Amino acid sequence: MLIASVIIVLGFLGLIWGADKFVSGASGLARNLGVSPLLIGLTIVAFGTSAPEIFSSAVAAMQKKPELAIGNAFGSNLFNVGIALGIAALIKPLKAPESMLNRELPALLLVTVITGILIADLQLDLLDAILLIMITVFFIYRLLKQQIKSTKASLETPEQESTRMKSLKAVAYLTIGLLILVISAEALVQAASNIAEALGVSASIIGLTIVALGTSLPELAASVTCVLKNQDELAIGNIVGSNILNLLAVLPFPGIFAPGLIEANLFYRDFSIVTFLTILLCFFCYRSIKKEIHIGRASGIIFLLIYCGWFTVMLNGI
C-alpha cells in the first residue's frame, strides 16, 4: 500500500511536468508549421493524451477483462468532460473555436451515436470492432488531409535556420512530455489498480474509476495547462479529439480480443451519461460560437455536478 501510494504521488508530479512540456511543444509546433492550435489539439495532443487509454484497454482486453477496457473508454469520456473541461472552465471561461461547428462537433456526436447503436444489443464483437476501426481510419485520413492543406497554405518562404531550431526544440518538448505523460499515467493506473483489486472492487468499477481516472489525468493536466497558457483551442480540441478516439480506438480492442456480452449497466447507466454530456458539450460550444457566450464557470459547475452525480449513483450500484 505504501509503495503504491508513493508511486501515485510521483505519477501526479510527472503528469504535471509532462503536460507543461507537451503543451509547450504542441503550441510551438503549431506556430512554426502554420497549423492551427485547434488542429494540433485534435491530432497530436489528442492522440498523445489518449495513448494511456488505448494501451491500458489493449492490455485489459488481451487479459480477457473486457469490462475493464469498456469501462475505461466510457469513464475516460465522462472524466474528460465532467472533470477536465469542468475544472478548465472554472479556472478561466473558454471560447470555442468557430471551425469546430462544421467538423469536429458533428464528428463527436456521430461517433457517439454510432457507438450507441453498435452496443445497444449489449454485445461488442469482431464486426463492431471492424466498423469502429474503419471509422477511425477515415477520421485519421480526414485530419491528415486537413493538416496538409493547412500546412501548404501557410508556406510562404523557405524555413529559416532559427525557425528550424525552434521547431526541433518544440518536437523535443512534445516527445519528452508525451513519454512522461504515458509513463506517469501507467504507473498511476497500475498502483491504483493493485490497491482496488486488493479491496475486492469489480473490474468494471475499476475501469470506470481508477483506470479511467489514471488514463485521463493527461487530458486534465493538458487542459488546465492550455487554459493557463490561454490556449483555449488546444484545451477544447484536446477533449473533443480524445473523446472521439476513446470510442473509436479503445473499444475495438475488447471487440477483437474478448468479444461477447457487456454488462447492462455499462450501456444503460454509463453510456447514457456519456451521450448526455456529449450533447451538453456540443450545446455549450454551439452557444459559445453563435452567441459569443463563453463556456464559463457556471458551465464548469454543471459538468462537475453531473459527473459527481453519476459517480455517486455508479458507486451505489444503482
C-alpha atoms as a PDB file:
ATOM      1  CA  MET A   1       0.000   0.000   0.000  1.00  0.00           C
ATOM      2  CA  LEU A   2       2.748   2.454   0.967  1.00  0.00           C
ATOM      3  CA  ILE A   3       4.776   1.842  -2.194  1.00  0.00           C
ATOM      4  CA  ALA A   4       1.650   2.156  -4.350  1.00  0.00           C
ATOM      5  CA  SER A   5       0.770   5.448  -2.648  1.00  0.00           C
ATOM      6  CA  VAL A   6       4.266   6.821  -3.292  1.00  0.00           C
ATOM      7  CA  ILE A   7       4.015   5.801  -6.954  1.00  0.00           C
ATOM      8  CA  ILE A   8       0.675   7.621  -7.229  1.00  0.00           C
ATOM      9  CA  VAL A   9       2.184  10.833  -5.826  1.00  0.00           C
ATOM     10  CA  LEU A  10       5.177  10.605  -8.175  1.00  0.00           C
ATOM     11  CA  GLY A  11       2.800   9.912 -11.055  1.00  0.00           C
ATOM     12  CA  PHE A  12       0.867  13.100 -10.341  1.00  0.00           C
ATOM     13  CA  LEU A  13       4.084  15.136 -10.321  1.00  0.00           C
ATOM     14  CA  GLY A  14       5.177  13.530 -13.579  1.00  0.00           C
ATOM     15  CA  LEU A  15       1.851  14.331 -15.213  1.00  0.00           C
ATOM     16  CA  ILE A  16       2.042  17.988 -14.238  1.00  0.00           C
ATOM     17  CA  TRP A  17       5.589  18.401 -15.555  1.00  0.00           C
ATOM     18  CA  GLY A  18       4.980  16.318 -18.658  1.00  0.00           C
ATOM     19  CA  ALA A  19       1.797  18.201 -19.550  1.00  0.00           C
ATOM     20  CA  ASP A  20       3.598  21.536 -19.365  1.00  0.00           C
ATOM     21  CA  LYS A  21       6.310  20.389 -21.794  1.00  0.00           C
ATOM     22  CA  PHE A  22       3.821  18.598 -24.020  1.00  0.00           C
ATOM     23  CA  VAL A  23       1.537  21.621 -24.451  1.00  0.00           C
ATOM     24  CA  SER A  24       4.510  23.973 -24.937  1.00  0.00           C
ATOM     25  CA  GLY A  25       5.833  21.740 -27.688  1.00  0.00           C
ATOM     26  CA  ALA A  26       2.417  21.367 -29.335  1.00  0.00           C
ATOM     27  CA  SER A  27       1.659  25.089 -29.417  1.00  0.00           C
ATOM     28  CA  GLY A  28       5.208  25.873 -30.595  1.00  0.00           C
ATOM     29  CA  LEU A  29       4.933  23.338 -33.388  1.00  0.00           C
ATOM     30  CA  ALA A  30       1.585  24.795 -34.422  1.00  0.00           C
ATOM     31  CA  ARG A  31       3.061  28.294 -34.723  1.00  0.00           C
ATOM     32  CA  ASN A  32       6.173  27.191 -36.609  1.00  0.00           C
ATOM     33  CA  LEU A  33       4.298  24.990 -39.092  1.00  0.00           C
ATOM     34  CA  GLY A  34       1.441  27.405 -39.580  1.00  0.00           C
ATOM     35  CA  VAL A  35      -1.040  24.801 -38.350  1.00  0.00           C
ATOM     36  CA  SER A  36      -3.949  25.972 -36.219  1.00  0.00           C
ATOM     37  CA  PRO A  37      -3.769  25.162 -32.500  1.00  0.00           C
ATOM     38  CA  LEU A  38      -7.192  23.506 -32.827  1.00  0.00           C
ATOM     39  CA  LEU A  39      -5.862  21.020 -35.382  1.00  0.00           C
ATOM     40  CA  ILE A  40      -2.828  20.259 -33.223  1.00  0.00           C
ATOM     41  CA  GLY A  41      -5.168  19.704 -30.279  1.00  0.00           C
ATOM     42  CA  LEU A  42      -7.340  17.340 -32.310  1.00  0.00           C
ATOM     43  CA  THR A  43      -4.404  15.322 -33.632  1.00  0.00           C
ATOM     44  CA  ILE A  44      -1.080  15.309 -31.769  1.00  0.00           C
ATOM     45  CA  VAL A  45      -2.370  16.302 -28.330  1.00  0.00           C
ATOM     46  CA  ALA A  46      -5.486  14.122 -28.580  1.00  0.00           C
ATOM     47  CA  PHE A  47      -3.554  11.071 -29.775  1.00  0.00           C
ATOM     48  CA  GLY A  48      -0.842  11.627 -27.198  1.00  0.00           C
ATOM     49  CA  THR A  49      -3.143  12.050 -24.213  1.00  0.00           C
ATOM     50  CA  SER A  50      -5.299   9.121 -25.381  1.00  0.00           C
ATOM     51  CA  ALA A  51      -2.298   6.791 -25.540  1.00  0.00           C
ATOM     52  CA  PRO A  52      -2.756   5.597 -21.908  1.00  0.00           C
ATOM     53  CA  GLU A  53      -6.416   4.693 -22.585  1.00  0.00           C
ATOM     54  CA  ILE A  54      -5.506   2.820 -25.765  1.00  0.00           C
ATOM     55  CA  PHE A  55      -2.599   0.946 -24.180  1.00  0.00           C
ATOM     56  CA  SER A  56      -4.447   0.084 -20.958  1.00  0.00           C
ATOM     57  CA  SER A  57      -7.542  -1.144 -22.816  1.00  0.00           C
ATOM     58  CA  ALA A  58      -5.461  -3.288 -25.172  1.00  0.00           C
ATOM     59  CA  VAL A  59      -3.752  -4.946 -22.216  1.00  0.00           C
ATOM     60  CA  ALA A  60      -7.071  -5.432 -20.388  1.00  0.00           C
ATOM     61  CA  ALA A  61      -8.733  -6.960 -23.459  1.00  0.00           C
ATOM     62  CA  MET A  62      -5.838  -9.347 -24.079  1.00  0.00           C
ATOM     63  CA  GLN A  63      -6.114 -10.401 -20.434  1.00  0.00           C
ATOM     64  CA  LYS A  64      -9.805 -11.196 -21.087  1.00  0.00           C
ATOM     65  CA  LYS A  65     -11.090  -8.286 -18.999  1.00  0.00           C
ATOM     66  CA  PRO A  66     -13.418  -6.558 -21.499  1.00  0.00           C
ATOM     67  CA  GLU A  67     -15.432  -4.797 -18.770  1.00  0.00           C
ATOM     68  CA  LEU A  68     -12.284  -3.030 -17.610  1.00  0.00           C
ATOM     69  CA  ALA A  69     -11.456  -1.889 -21.157  1.00  0.00           C
ATOM     70  CA  ILE A  70     -15.016  -0.722 -21.951  1.00  0.00           C
ATOM     71  CA  GLY A  71     -15.331   0.950 -18.552  1.00  0.00           C
ATOM     72  CA  ASN A  72     -12.041   2.706 -19.229  1.00  0.00           C
ATOM     73  CA  ALA A  73     -13.359   4.163 -22.500  1.00  0.00           C
ATOM     74  CA  PHE A  74     -16.679   5.354 -21.047  1.00  0.00           C
ATOM     75  CA  GLY A  75     -15.182   6.509 -17.756  1.00  0.00           C
ATOM     76  CA  SER A  76     -12.470   8.474 -19.565  1.00  0.00           C
ATOM     77  CA  ASN A  77     -15.026  10.315 -21.710  1.00  0.00           C
ATOM     78  CA  LEU A  78     -17.030  11.159 -18.606  1.00  0.00           C
ATOM     79  CA  PHE A  79     -13.913  12.365 -16.799  1.00  0.00           C
ATOM     80  CA  ASN A  80     -12.702  14.415 -19.777  1.00  0.00           C
ATOM     81  CA  VAL A  81     -15.884  16.487 -19.980  1.00  0.00           C
ATOM     82  CA  GLY A  82     -17.109  16.328 -16.389  1.00  0.00           C
ATOM     83  CA  ILE A  83     -13.799  16.928 -14.628  1.00  0.00           C
ATOM     84  CA  ALA A  84     -11.084  18.071 -17.080  1.00  0.00           C
ATOM     85  CA  LEU A  85     -13.223  20.543 -19.024  1.00  0.00           C
ATOM     86  CA  GLY A  86     -15.234  21.416 -15.927  1.00  0.00           C
ATOM     87  CA  ILE A  87     -12.120  22.422 -13.998  1.00  0.00           C
ATOM     88  CA  ALA A  88     -10.676  24.217 -17.034  1.00  0.00           C
ATOM     89  CA  ALA A  89     -13.862  26.304 -17.324  1.00  0.00           C
ATOM     90  CA  LEU A  90     -13.709  27.114 -13.611  1.00  0.00           C
ATOM     91  CA  ILE A  91     -10.167  28.422 -13.998  1.00  0.00           C
ATOM     92  CA  LYS A  92     -10.994  30.598 -16.986  1.00  0.00           C
ATOM     93  CA  PRO A  93     -14.033  30.898 -19.283  1.00  0.00           C
ATOM     94  CA  LEU A  94     -13.353  29.212 -22.623  1.00  0.00           C
ATOM     95  CA  LYS A  95     -14.146  30.389 -26.163  1.00  0.00           C
ATOM     96  CA  ALA A  96     -14.928  27.533 -28.530  1.00  0.00           C
ATOM     97  CA  PRO A  97     -13.284  27.902 -31.973  1.00  0.00           C
ATOM     98  CA  GLU A  98     -15.761  28.537 -34.795  1.00  0.00           C
ATOM     99  CA  SER A  99     -14.219  25.904 -37.065  1.00  0.00           C
ATOM    100  CA  MET A 100     -15.427  23.144 -34.703  1.00  0.00           C
ATOM    101  CA  LEU A 101     -19.049  23.788 -35.579  1.00  0.00           C
ATOM    102  CA  ASN A 102     -18.966  22.148 -39.010  1.00  0.00           C
ATOM    103  CA  ARG A 103     -16.423  19.366 -38.435  1.00  0.00           C
ATOM    104  CA  GLU A 104     -15.319  18.201 -35.002  1.00  0.00           C
ATOM    105  CA  LEU A 105     -18.532  18.607 -33.009  1.00  0.00           C
ATOM    106  CA  PRO A 106     -20.692  16.791 -35.593  1.00  0.00           C
ATOM    107  CA  ALA A 107     -17.995  14.090 -35.747  1.00  0.00           C
ATOM    108  CA  LEU A 108     -18.131  13.637 -31.959  1.00  0.00           C
ATOM    109  CA  LEU A 109     -21.925  13.405 -32.000  1.00  0.00           C
ATOM    110  CA  LEU A 110     -21.908  10.978 -34.936  1.00  0.00           C
ATOM    111  CA  VAL A 111     -19.286   8.708 -33.354  1.00  0.00           C
ATOM    112  CA  THR A 112     -21.243   8.676 -30.082  1.00  0.00           C
ATOM    113  CA  VAL A 113     -24.496   7.756 -31.846  1.00  0.00           C
ATOM    114  CA  ILE A 114     -22.807   5.022 -33.921  1.00  0.00           C
ATOM    115  CA  THR A 115     -21.208   3.568 -30.797  1.00  0.00           C
ATOM    116  CA  GLY A 116     -24.577   3.536 -29.055  1.00  0.00           C
ATOM    117  CA  ILE A 117     -26.197   1.720 -31.980  1.00  0.00           C
ATOM    118  CA  LEU A 118     -23.417  -0.887 -32.095  1.00  0.00           C
ATOM    119  CA  ILE A 119     -23.606  -1.768 -28.391  1.00  0.00           C
ATOM    120  CA  ALA A 120     -27.372  -1.366 -27.922  1.00  0.00           C
ATOM    121  CA  ASP A 121     -27.676  -5.157 -28.170  1.00  0.00           C
ATOM    122  CA  LEU A 122     -25.332  -5.365 -25.155  1.00  0.00           C
ATOM    123  CA  GLN A 123     -22.653  -7.064 -27.263  1.00  0.00           C
ATOM    124  CA  LEU A 124     -19.291  -5.974 -28.559  1.00  0.00           C
ATOM    125  CA  ASP A 125     -17.966  -8.395 -31.157  1.00  0.00           C
ATOM    126  CA  LEU A 126     -15.488  -8.579 -34.026  1.00  0.00           C
ATOM    127  CA  LEU A 127     -17.820  -6.947 -36.561  1.00  0.00           C
ATOM    128  CA  ASP A 128     -18.376  -3.983 -34.236  1.00  0.00           C
ATOM    129  CA  ALA A 129     -14.603  -3.658 -33.787  1.00  0.00           C
ATOM    130  CA  ILE A 130     -14.001  -3.714 -37.559  1.00  0.00           C
ATOM    131  CA  LEU A 131     -16.598  -0.990 -38.135  1.00  0.00           C
ATOM    132  CA  LEU A 132     -15.034   1.193 -35.436  1.00  0.00           C
ATOM    133  CA  ILE A 133     -11.559   0.666 -36.922  1.00  0.00           C
ATOM    134  CA  MET A 134     -12.817   1.650 -40.381  1.00  0.00           C
ATOM    135  CA  ILE A 135     -14.304   4.849 -38.986  1.00  0.00           C
ATOM    136  CA  THR A 136     -11.013   5.508 -37.163  1.00  0.00           C
ATOM    137  CA  VAL A 137      -9.018   5.172 -40.396  1.00  0.00           C
ATOM    138  CA  PHE A 138     -11.422   7.540 -42.175  1.00  0.00           C
ATOM    139  CA  PHE A 139     -11.234  10.028 -39.307  1.00  0.00           C
ATOM    140  CA  ILE A 140      -7.412   9.999 -39.354  1.00  0.00           C
ATOM    141  CA  TYR A 141      -7.413  10.400 -43.144  1.00  0.00           C
ATOM    142  CA  ARG A 142      -9.643  13.472 -42.941  1.00  0.00           C
ATOM    143  CA  LEU A 143      -7.499  15.055 -40.225  1.00  0.00           C
ATOM    144  CA  LEU A 144      -4.266  14.428 -42.122  1.00  0.00           C
ATOM    145  CA  LYS A 145      -5.790  15.802 -45.318  1.00  0.00           C
ATOM    146  CA  GLN A 146      -6.913  18.890 -43.448  1.00  0.00           C
ATOM    147  CA  GLN A 147      -3.456  19.278 -41.890  1.00  0.00           C
ATOM    148  CA  ILE A 148      -1.708  19.039 -45.278  1.00  0.00           C
ATOM    149  CA  LYS A 149      -3.956  21.725 -46.737  1.00  0.00           C
ATOM    150  CA  SER A 150      -3.406  23.952 -43.727  1.00  0.00           C
ATOM    151  CA  THR A 151       0.362  23.483 -43.895  1.00  0.00           C
ATOM    152  CA  LYS A 152       0.539  24.182 -47.636  1.00  0.00           C
ATOM    153  CA  ALA A 153      -1.465  27.348 -47.213  1.00  0.00           C
ATOM    154  CA  SER A 154       0.994  28.623 -44.628  1.00  0.00           C
ATOM    155  CA  LEU A 155       4.176  28.074 -46.669  1.00  0.00           C
ATOM    156  CA  GLU A 156       5.282  31.476 -47.881  1.00  0.00           C
ATOM    157  CA  THR A 157       9.082  31.459 -47.577  1.00  0.00           C
ATOM    158  CA  PRO A 158      11.760  28.778 -47.049  1.00  0.00           C
ATOM    159  CA  GLU A 159      12.197  27.855 -43.413  1.00  0.00           C
ATOM    160  CA  GLN A 160      14.972  29.811 -41.785  1.00  0.00           C
ATOM    161  CA  GLU A 161      17.589  28.173 -39.593  1.00  0.00           C
ATOM    162  CA  SER A 162      16.347  29.889 -36.460  1.00  0.00           C
ATOM    163  CA  THR A 163      12.813  28.646 -37.087  1.00  0.00           C
ATOM    164  CA  ARG A 164      14.116  25.126 -37.678  1.00  0.00           C
ATOM    165  CA  MET A 165      15.893  25.143 -34.329  1.00  0.00           C
ATOM    166  CA  LYS A 166      12.716  26.305 -32.618  1.00  0.00           C
ATOM    167  CA  SER A 167      10.786  23.517 -34.296  1.00  0.00           C
ATOM    168  CA  LEU A 168      13.332  20.935 -33.158  1.00  0.00           C
ATOM    169  CA  LYS A 169      13.017  22.217 -29.621  1.00  0.00           C
ATOM    170  CA  ALA A 170       9.225  22.026 -29.870  1.00  0.00           C
ATOM    171  CA  VAL A 171       9.413  18.428 -31.126  1.00  0.00           C
ATOM    172  CA  ALA A 172      11.786  17.573 -28.263  1.00  0.00           C
ATOM    173  CA  TYR A 173       9.378  19.059 -25.711  1.00  0.00           C
ATOM    174  CA  LEU A 174       6.491  17.240 -27.375  1.00  0.00           C
ATOM    175  CA  THR A 175       8.281  13.886 -27.297  1.00  0.00           C
ATOM    176  CA  ILE A 176       9.648  14.181 -23.763  1.00  0.00           C
ATOM    177  CA  GLY A 177       6.323  15.441 -22.456  1.00  0.00           C
ATOM    178  CA  LEU A 178       4.442  12.574 -24.108  1.00  0.00           C
ATOM    179  CA  LEU A 179       6.812   9.954 -22.665  1.00  0.00           C
ATOM    180  CA  ILE A 180       6.483  11.396 -19.168  1.00  0.00           C
ATOM    181  CA  LEU A 181       2.682  11.571 -19.509  1.00  0.00           C
ATOM    182  CA  VAL A 182       2.332   7.963 -20.633  1.00  0.00           C
ATOM    183  CA  ILE A 183       4.799   6.549 -18.094  1.00  0.00           C
ATOM    184  CA  SER A 184       3.270   8.545 -15.234  1.00  0.00           C
ATOM    185  CA  ALA A 185      -0.286   7.572 -16.169  1.00  0.00           C
ATOM    186  CA  GLU A 186       0.590   3.887 -16.469  1.00  0.00           C
ATOM    187  CA  ALA A 187       2.360   3.941 -13.107  1.00  0.00           C
ATOM    188  CA  LEU A 188      -0.706   5.561 -11.552  1.00  0.00           C
ATOM    189  CA  VAL A 189      -3.067   3.027 -13.085  1.00  0.00           C
ATOM    190  CA  GLN A 190      -1.003   0.043 -12.028  1.00  0.00           C
ATOM    191  CA  ALA A 191      -0.586   1.259  -8.459  1.00  0.00           C
ATOM    192  CA  ALA A 192      -4.232   2.292  -8.083  1.00  0.00           C
ATOM    193  CA  SER A 193      -5.499  -0.930  -9.684  1.00  0.00           C
ATOM    194  CA  ASN A 194      -3.433  -3.008  -7.260  1.00  0.00           C
ATOM    195  CA  ILE A 195      -4.982  -1.163  -4.342  1.00  0.00           C
ATOM    196  CA  ALA A 196      -8.516  -1.506  -5.771  1.00  0.00           C
ATOM    197  CA  GLU A 197      -8.133  -5.214  -6.506  1.00  0.00           C
ATOM    198  CA  ALA A 198      -6.796  -5.815  -3.002  1.00  0.00           C
ATOM    199  CA  LEU A 199     -10.006  -4.241  -1.694  1.00  0.00           C
ATOM    200  CA  GLY A 200     -12.154  -6.539  -3.868  1.00  0.00           C
ATOM    201  CA  VAL A 201     -13.533  -3.972  -6.338  1.00  0.00           C
ATOM    202  CA  SER A 202     -15.033  -5.358  -9.603  1.00  0.00           C
ATOM    203  CA  ALA A 203     -13.305  -4.995 -12.982  1.00  0.00           C
ATOM    204  CA  SER A 204     -15.972  -2.700 -14.458  1.00  0.00           C
ATOM    205  CA  ILE A 205     -15.830  -0.365 -11.448  1.00  0.00           C
ATOM    206  CA  ILE A 206     -12.028  -0.301 -11.672  1.00  0.00           C
ATOM    207  CA  GLY A 207     -12.291   0.575 -15.366  1.00  0.00           C
ATOM    208  CA  LEU A 208     -14.857   3.324 -14.781  1.00  0.00           C
ATOM    209  CA  THR A 209     -12.998   4.879 -11.858  1.00  0.00           C
ATOM    210  CA  ILE A 210      -9.372   4.017 -11.115  1.00  0.00           C
ATOM    211  CA  VAL A 211      -8.239   3.213 -14.658  1.00  0.00           C
ATOM    212  CA  ALA A 212     -10.335   5.958 -16.268  1.00  0.00           C
ATOM    213  CA  LEU A 213      -9.051   8.477 -13.737  1.00  0.00           C
ATOM    214  CA  GLY A 214      -5.433   7.449 -14.217  1.00  0.00           C
ATOM    215  CA  THR A 215      -5.516   7.349 -18.005  1.00  0.00           C
ATOM    216  CA  SER A 216      -7.454  10.638 -18.207  1.00  0.00           C
ATOM    217  CA  LEU A 217      -5.082  12.587 -15.992  1.00  0.00           C
ATOM    218  CA  PRO A 218      -3.038  13.620 -19.058  1.00  0.00           C
ATOM    219  CA  GLU A 219      -6.180  15.240 -20.517  1.00  0.00           C
ATOM    220  CA  LEU A 220      -6.807  17.023 -17.222  1.00  0.00           C
ATOM    221  CA  ALA A 221      -3.214  18.187 -16.895  1.00  0.00           C
ATOM    222  CA  ALA A 222      -3.003  19.208 -20.558  1.00  0.00           C
ATOM    223  CA  SER A 223      -6.354  21.061 -20.490  1.00  0.00           C
ATOM    224  CA  VAL A 224      -5.508  23.002 -17.339  1.00  0.00           C
ATOM    225  CA  THR A 225      -2.078  23.870 -18.741  1.00  0.00           C
ATOM    226  CA  CYS A 226      -3.656  25.001 -22.021  1.00  0.00           C
ATOM    227  CA  VAL A 227      -6.071  27.280 -20.162  1.00  0.00           C
ATOM    228  CA  LEU A 228      -3.285  28.796 -18.065  1.00  0.00           C
ATOM    229  CA  LYS A 229      -1.397  29.480 -21.308  1.00  0.00           C
ATOM    230  CA  ASN A 230      -4.540  30.986 -22.936  1.00  0.00           C
ATOM    231  CA  GLN A 231      -4.713  28.159 -25.486  1.00  0.00           C
ATOM    232  CA  ASP A 232      -8.497  27.661 -25.478  1.00  0.00           C
ATOM    233  CA  GLU A 233      -8.490  25.931 -28.877  1.00  0.00           C
ATOM    234  CA  LEU A 234      -5.961  23.366 -27.661  1.00  0.00           C
ATOM    235  CA  ALA A 235      -7.912  22.740 -24.462  1.00  0.00           C
ATOM    236  CA  ILE A 236     -11.261  22.120 -26.170  1.00  0.00           C
ATOM    237  CA  GLY A 237      -9.720  20.360 -29.176  1.00  0.00           C
ATOM    238  CA  ASN A 238      -7.859  18.014 -26.844  1.00  0.00           C
ATOM    239  CA  ILE A 239     -11.084  16.983 -25.069  1.00  0.00           C
ATOM    240  CA  VAL A 240     -13.128  16.564 -28.259  1.00  0.00           C
ATOM    241  CA  GLY A 241     -10.365  14.659 -30.058  1.00  0.00           C
ATOM    242  CA  SER A 242      -9.656  12.427 -27.068  1.00  0.00           C
ATOM    243  CA  ASN A 243     -13.328  11.547 -26.615  1.00  0.00           C
ATOM    244  CA  ILE A 244     -13.631  10.586 -30.279  1.00  0.00           C
ATOM    245  CA  LEU A 245     -10.522   8.419 -30.022  1.00  0.00           C
ATOM    246  CA  ASN A 246     -11.648   6.800 -26.764  1.00  0.00           C
ATOM    247  CA  LEU A 247     -14.651   5.392 -28.594  1.00  0.00           C
ATOM    248  CA  LEU A 248     -13.033   4.668 -31.953  1.00  0.00           C
ATOM    249  CA  ALA A 249      -9.564   3.464 -30.938  1.00  0.00           C
ATOM    250  CA  VAL A 250     -10.203   1.949 -27.483  1.00  0.00           C
ATOM    251  CA  LEU A 251     -13.422  -0.053 -27.933  1.00  0.00           C
ATOM    252  CA  PRO A 252     -12.141  -2.209 -30.836  1.00  0.00           C
ATOM    253  CA  PHE A 253      -9.691  -3.988 -28.506  1.00  0.00           C
ATOM    254  CA  PRO A 254     -12.317  -5.795 -26.397  1.00  0.00           C
ATOM    255  CA  GLY A 255     -14.231  -6.494 -29.612  1.00  0.00           C
ATOM    256  CA  ILE A 256     -11.177  -8.212 -31.113  1.00  0.00           C
ATOM    257  CA  PHE A 257      -9.558  -9.905 -28.122  1.00  0.00           C
ATOM    258  CA  ALA A 258     -12.554 -10.537 -25.835  1.00  0.00           C
ATOM    259  CA  PRO A 259     -15.800 -10.373 -27.870  1.00  0.00           C
ATOM    260  CA  GLY A 260     -19.072 -11.110 -26.149  1.00  0.00           C
ATOM    261  CA  LEU A 261     -21.748  -9.661 -23.901  1.00  0.00           C
ATOM    262  CA  ILE A 262     -21.203  -6.467 -21.924  1.00  0.00           C
ATOM    263  CA  GLU A 263     -22.728  -5.518 -18.590  1.00  0.00           C
ATOM    264  CA  ALA A 264     -26.131  -3.814 -18.928  1.00  0.00           C
ATOM    265  CA  ASN A 265     -25.095  -1.012 -16.557  1.00  0.00           C
ATOM    266  CA  LEU A 266     -22.210  -0.078 -18.837  1.00  0.00           C
ATOM    267  CA  PHE A 267     -24.719   0.798 -21.559  1.00  0.00           C
ATOM    268  CA  TYR A 268     -27.893   1.947 -19.779  1.00  0.00           C
ATOM    269  CA  ARG A 269     -26.238   3.824 -16.916  1.00  0.00           C
ATOM    270  CA  ASP A 270     -22.746   4.817 -18.024  1.00  0.00           C
ATOM    271  CA  PHE A 271     -23.004   5.257 -21.801  1.00  0.00           C
ATOM    272  CA  SER A 272     -26.271   7.187 -21.427  1.00  0.00           C
ATOM    273  CA  ILE A 273     -24.419   9.764 -19.304  1.00  0.00           C
ATOM    274  CA  VAL A 274     -21.573   9.795 -21.849  1.00  0.00           C
ATOM    275  CA  THR A 275     -24.158  10.666 -24.516  1.00  0.00           C
ATOM    276  CA  PHE A 276     -25.820  13.308 -22.337  1.00  0.00           C
ATOM    277  CA  LEU A 277     -22.531  15.029 -21.515  1.00  0.00           C
ATOM    278  CA  THR A 278     -21.523  14.918 -25.187  1.00  0.00           C
ATOM    279  CA  ILE A 279     -24.761  16.635 -26.222  1.00  0.00           C
ATOM    280  CA  LEU A 280     -24.326  19.201 -23.444  1.00  0.00           C
ATOM    281  CA  LEU A 281     -20.715  19.886 -24.520  1.00  0.00           C
ATOM    282  CA  CYS A 282     -21.831  20.419 -28.122  1.00  0.00           C
ATOM    283  CA  PHE A 283     -24.627  22.737 -26.949  1.00  0.00           C
ATOM    284  CA  PHE A 284     -22.265  24.882 -24.872  1.00  0.00           C
ATOM    285  CA  CYS A 285     -19.764  25.033 -27.762  1.00  0.00           C
ATOM    286  CA  TYR A 286     -22.555  25.986 -30.201  1.00  0.00           C
ATOM    287  CA  ARG A 287     -23.730  28.726 -27.863  1.00  0.00           C
ATOM    288  CA  SER A 288     -20.152  29.943 -27.433  1.00  0.00           C
ATOM    289  CA  ILE A 289     -19.673  30.201 -31.198  1.00  0.00           C
ATOM    290  CA  LYS A 290     -23.057  31.525 -32.308  1.00  0.00           C
ATOM    291  CA  LYS A 291     -23.957  33.784 -29.387  1.00  0.00           C
ATOM    292  CA  GLU A 292     -20.384  34.521 -28.270  1.00  0.00           C
ATOM    293  CA  ILE A 293     -21.137  33.251 -24.765  1.00  0.00           C
ATOM    294  CA  HIS A 294     -18.048  31.698 -23.217  1.00  0.00           C
ATOM    295  CA  ILE A 295     -18.073  28.243 -21.666  1.00  0.00           C
ATOM    296  CA  GLY A 296     -17.811  29.812 -18.249  1.00  0.00           C
ATOM    297  CA  ARG A 297     -17.749  28.842 -14.610  1.00  0.00           C
ATOM    298  CA  ALA A 298     -21.479  28.064 -14.495  1.00  0.00           C
ATOM    299  CA  SER A 299     -20.974  25.548 -17.299  1.00  0.00           C
ATOM    300  CA  GLY A 300     -17.968  24.123 -15.473  1.00  0.00           C
ATOM    301  CA  ILE A 301     -20.041  23.645 -12.317  1.00  0.00           C
ATOM    302  CA  ILE A 302     -22.761  21.876 -14.336  1.00  0.00           C
ATOM    303  CA  PHE A 303     -20.193  19.480 -15.819  1.00  0.00           C
ATOM    304  CA  LEU A 304     -18.746  18.747 -12.382  1.00  0.00           C
ATOM    305  CA  LEU A 305     -22.163  18.213 -10.764  1.00  0.00           C
ATOM    306  CA  ILE A 306     -23.261  15.784 -13.485  1.00  0.00           C
ATOM    307  CA  TYR A 307     -20.047  13.809 -13.113  1.00  0.00           C
ATOM    308  CA  CYS A 308     -20.311  13.728  -9.320  1.00  0.00           C
ATOM    309  CA  GLY A 309     -23.951  12.647  -9.555  1.00  0.00           C
ATOM    310  CA  TRP A 310     -23.101   9.810 -11.956  1.00  0.00           C
ATOM    311  CA  PHE A 311     -20.141   8.807  -9.796  1.00  0.00           C
ATOM    312  CA  THR A 312     -22.331   8.596  -6.690  1.00  0.00           C
ATOM    313  CA  VAL A 313     -25.002   6.523  -8.451  1.00  0.00           C
ATOM    314  CA  MET A 314     -22.383   4.232 -10.000  1.00  0.00           C
ATOM    315  CA  LEU A 315     -20.670   3.531  -6.684  1.00  0.00           C
ATOM    316  CA  ASN A 316     -24.013   2.788  -5.055  1.00  0.00           C
ATOM    317  CA  GLY A 317     -24.665   0.205  -7.766  1.00  0.00           C
ATOM    318  CA  ILE A 318     -27.974   1.723  -8.856  1.00  0.00           C
END
